[in-house]
Amino acid sequence: MGFGRTPSPRVDPELAKQREAEQKRLAEEEAKIAARKEESERVRVANLRGQQSLQSEELEGFTGYRRKSMGKSIRS
């Protein structure tokens, strides 16, 4: 009548090793993504991106580009 329970299949040791290796790979990948995101945030916060990060501290008012005010000449 179906009162008995069928035994569950044994866990294959190779499959267990593969799953463990995949879990380890995923954890390493997530750690790399987190480190990359943290580094990107550090660069953004410290303003280390672009030309202003490369110029010396002595050039305070110089941004490297001429700014045009509306209605005024660039040269004035």
Protein backbone atom coordinates (compact mmCIF):
# COMPACT_ATOMS: atom_id res chain seq x y z
CA MET A 1 0.00 0.00 0.00
CA GLY A 2 2.85 2.45 0.07
CA PHE A 3 3.44 2.90 3.77
CA GLY A 4 7.15 2.32 3.44
CA ARG A 5 9.56 5.02 2.46
CA THR A 6 12.02 4.53 -0.35
CA PRO A 7 15.62 5.11 0.66
CA SER A 8 17.22 8.31 -0.57
CA PRO A 9 20.11 7.93 -2.98
CA ARG A 10 23.63 8.23 -1.61
CA VAL A 11 25.45 11.51 -2.07
CA ASP A 12 28.10 11.21 -4.73
CA PRO A 13 31.48 12.30 -3.30
CA GLU A 14 32.53 13.83 -6.64
CA LEU A 15 29.35 15.88 -6.76
CA ALA A 16 29.93 17.05 -3.19
CA LYS A 17 33.49 18.13 -4.11
CA GLN A 18 32.18 19.99 -7.15
CA ARG A 19 29.55 21.80 -5.11
CA GLU A 20 32.12 22.76 -2.47
CA ALA A 21 34.50 24.07 -5.15
CA GLU A 22 31.68 26.07 -6.76
CA GLN A 23 30.70 27.59 -3.41
CA LYS A 24 34.33 28.55 -2.77
CA ARG A 25 34.63 30.11 -6.26
CA LEU A 26 31.42 32.10 -5.75
CA ALA A 27 32.64 33.37 -2.37
CA GLU A 28 35.95 34.50 -3.89
CA GLU A 29 34.12 36.19 -6.76
CA GLU A 30 31.85 38.06 -4.34
CA ALA A 31 34.88 39.16 -2.32
CA LYS A 32 36.53 40.50 -5.50
CA ILE A 33 33.38 42.39 -6.45
CA ALA A 34 33.15 43.92 -2.97
CA ALA A 35 36.83 44.93 -3.05
CA ARG A 36 36.41 46.49 -6.51
CA LYS A 37 33.35 48.42 -5.33
CA GLU A 38 35.18 49.60 -2.20
CA GLU A 39 38.18 50.76 -4.28
CA SER A 40 35.90 52.60 -6.71
CA GLU A 41 34.17 54.34 -3.81
CA ARG A 42 37.55 55.31 -2.29
CA VAL A 43 38.70 56.80 -5.60
CA ARG A 44 35.43 58.71 -5.99
CA VAL A 45 35.47 60.10 -2.46
CA ALA A 46 39.15 61.10 -2.60
CA ASN A 47 38.66 62.69 -6.06
CA LEU A 48 41.53 60.68 -7.53
CA ARG A 49 39.94 60.46 -10.96
CA GLY A 50 40.61 62.86 -13.82
CA GLN A 51 42.99 65.72 -14.52
CA GLN A 52 42.55 67.60 -11.24
CA SER A 53 43.93 64.66 -9.33
CA LEU A 54 47.14 64.81 -11.36
CA GLN A 55 47.87 68.54 -11.11
CA SER A 56 50.02 69.91 -8.34
CA GLU A 57 48.58 71.52 -5.25
CA GLU A 58 50.24 74.87 -6.13
CA LEU A 59 47.76 75.49 -8.95
CA GLU A 60 44.75 76.33 -6.85
CA GLY A 61 42.54 78.23 -9.29
CA PHE A 62 43.56 76.43 -12.45
CA THR A 63 41.23 73.65 -13.53
CA GLY A 64 42.81 73.01 -16.93
CA TYR A 65 39.89 74.21 -18.98
CA ARG A 66 38.70 77.65 -20.01
CA ARG A 67 35.25 78.38 -18.76
CA LYS A 68 32.93 80.46 -20.86
CA SER A 69 30.51 82.72 -19.06
CA MET A 70 27.29 83.34 -20.90
CA GLY A 71 27.39 86.63 -22.78
CA LYS A 72 31.08 87.30 -22.13
CA SER A 73 34.13 86.72 -24.23
CA ILE A 74 36.40 83.83 -23.38
CA ARG A 75 39.46 86.08 -23.45
CA SER A 76 38.22 88.67 -20.97
